[in-house]
Amino acid sequence: MQDDAEGLTVWIPSGSATLLRRPVGRRSPRDLGLVERFLSPSEVAEGAWQGPGILRSAPTGRPWSL
């Protein structure tokens, strides 16, 4: 993990604890169509990262997406 003036870089292994945003009363955002997914009320829930481990990087002061 790196967290300094350059930004944040972290390795997230499969199964790691995480907080997920999901539609209220639903299991997955994929239960809704694309427009509803972003306009419906949502809640934050505990979960686990699914899939392979990933490296996430968020540079300071710059837009980013991985």
Protein backbone atom coordinates (compact mmCIF):
# COMPACT_ATOMS: atom_id res chain seq x y z
CA MET A 1 0.00 0.00 0.00
CA GLN A 2 1.15 3.52 -0.78
CA ASP A 3 -0.64 6.57 0.66
CA ASP A 4 1.28 9.80 0.18
CA ALA A 5 1.18 13.15 -1.64
CA GLU A 6 1.20 11.31 -5.01
CA GLY A 7 -2.03 9.46 -4.20
CA LEU A 8 -3.31 6.14 -2.90
CA THR A 9 -2.36 2.75 -4.34
CA VAL A 10 -3.60 -0.45 -2.71
CA TRP A 11 -3.80 -4.17 -3.50
CA ILE A 12 -7.25 -5.69 -2.76
CA PRO A 13 -7.13 -9.50 -2.60
CA SER A 14 -10.16 -11.64 -3.39
CA GLY A 15 -12.42 -12.03 -0.34
CA SER A 16 -11.34 -8.75 1.31
CA ALA A 17 -13.91 -7.01 3.51
CA THR A 18 -15.44 -4.01 1.77
CA LEU A 19 -18.33 -1.57 1.90
CA LEU A 20 -20.66 -1.76 -1.09
CA ARG A 21 -23.34 0.66 -2.26
CA ARG A 22 -26.49 -1.22 -3.25
CA PRO A 23 -30.13 -0.40 -3.96
CA VAL A 24 -32.29 -0.42 -0.81
CA GLY A 25 -33.82 -3.87 -0.31
CA ARG A 26 -31.91 -5.45 -3.21
CA ARG A 27 -28.94 -7.79 -3.31
CA SER A 28 -27.15 -6.24 -6.26
CA PRO A 29 -27.25 -3.05 -8.36
CA ARG A 30 -27.61 -5.41 -11.34
CA ASP A 31 -31.15 -6.19 -10.14
CA LEU A 32 -32.12 -2.82 -11.70
CA GLY A 33 -31.86 -1.29 -15.15
CA LEU A 34 -29.02 1.16 -15.78
CA VAL A 35 -31.04 4.37 -15.17
CA GLU A 36 -32.76 2.99 -12.05
CA ARG A 37 -29.41 1.78 -10.72
CA PHE A 38 -28.18 5.36 -10.33
CA LEU A 39 -31.46 7.08 -9.44
CA SER A 40 -32.94 4.65 -6.88
CA PRO A 41 -32.33 5.12 -3.14
CA SER A 42 -29.27 3.20 -2.03
CA GLU A 43 -27.59 2.02 1.15
CA VAL A 44 -24.09 1.02 2.17
CA ALA A 45 -23.65 -2.61 3.22
CA GLU A 46 -20.74 -4.78 4.33
CA GLY A 47 -19.60 -7.35 1.84
CA ALA A 48 -16.56 -9.11 0.39
CA TRP A 49 -14.63 -8.28 -2.78
CA GLN A 50 -15.52 -10.92 -5.36
CA GLY A 51 -13.36 -11.91 -8.29
CA PRO A 52 -9.59 -11.80 -8.61
CA GLY A 53 -7.40 -9.48 -6.58
CA ILE A 54 -6.98 -6.00 -8.06
CA LEU A 55 -4.57 -3.11 -7.80
CA ARG A 56 -6.37 0.25 -7.36
CA SER A 57 -4.67 3.57 -7.78
CA ALA A 58 -6.14 7.04 -7.10
CA PRO A 59 -3.71 9.84 -7.99
CA THR A 60 -4.05 13.02 -5.92
CA GLY A 61 -5.82 15.93 -7.61
CA ARG A 62 -6.51 14.13 -10.90
CA PRO A 63 -9.59 12.39 -12.25
CA TRP A 64 -9.10 8.65 -12.53
CA SER A 65 -10.84 5.40 -13.33
CA LEU A 66 -9.47 1.86 -13.51
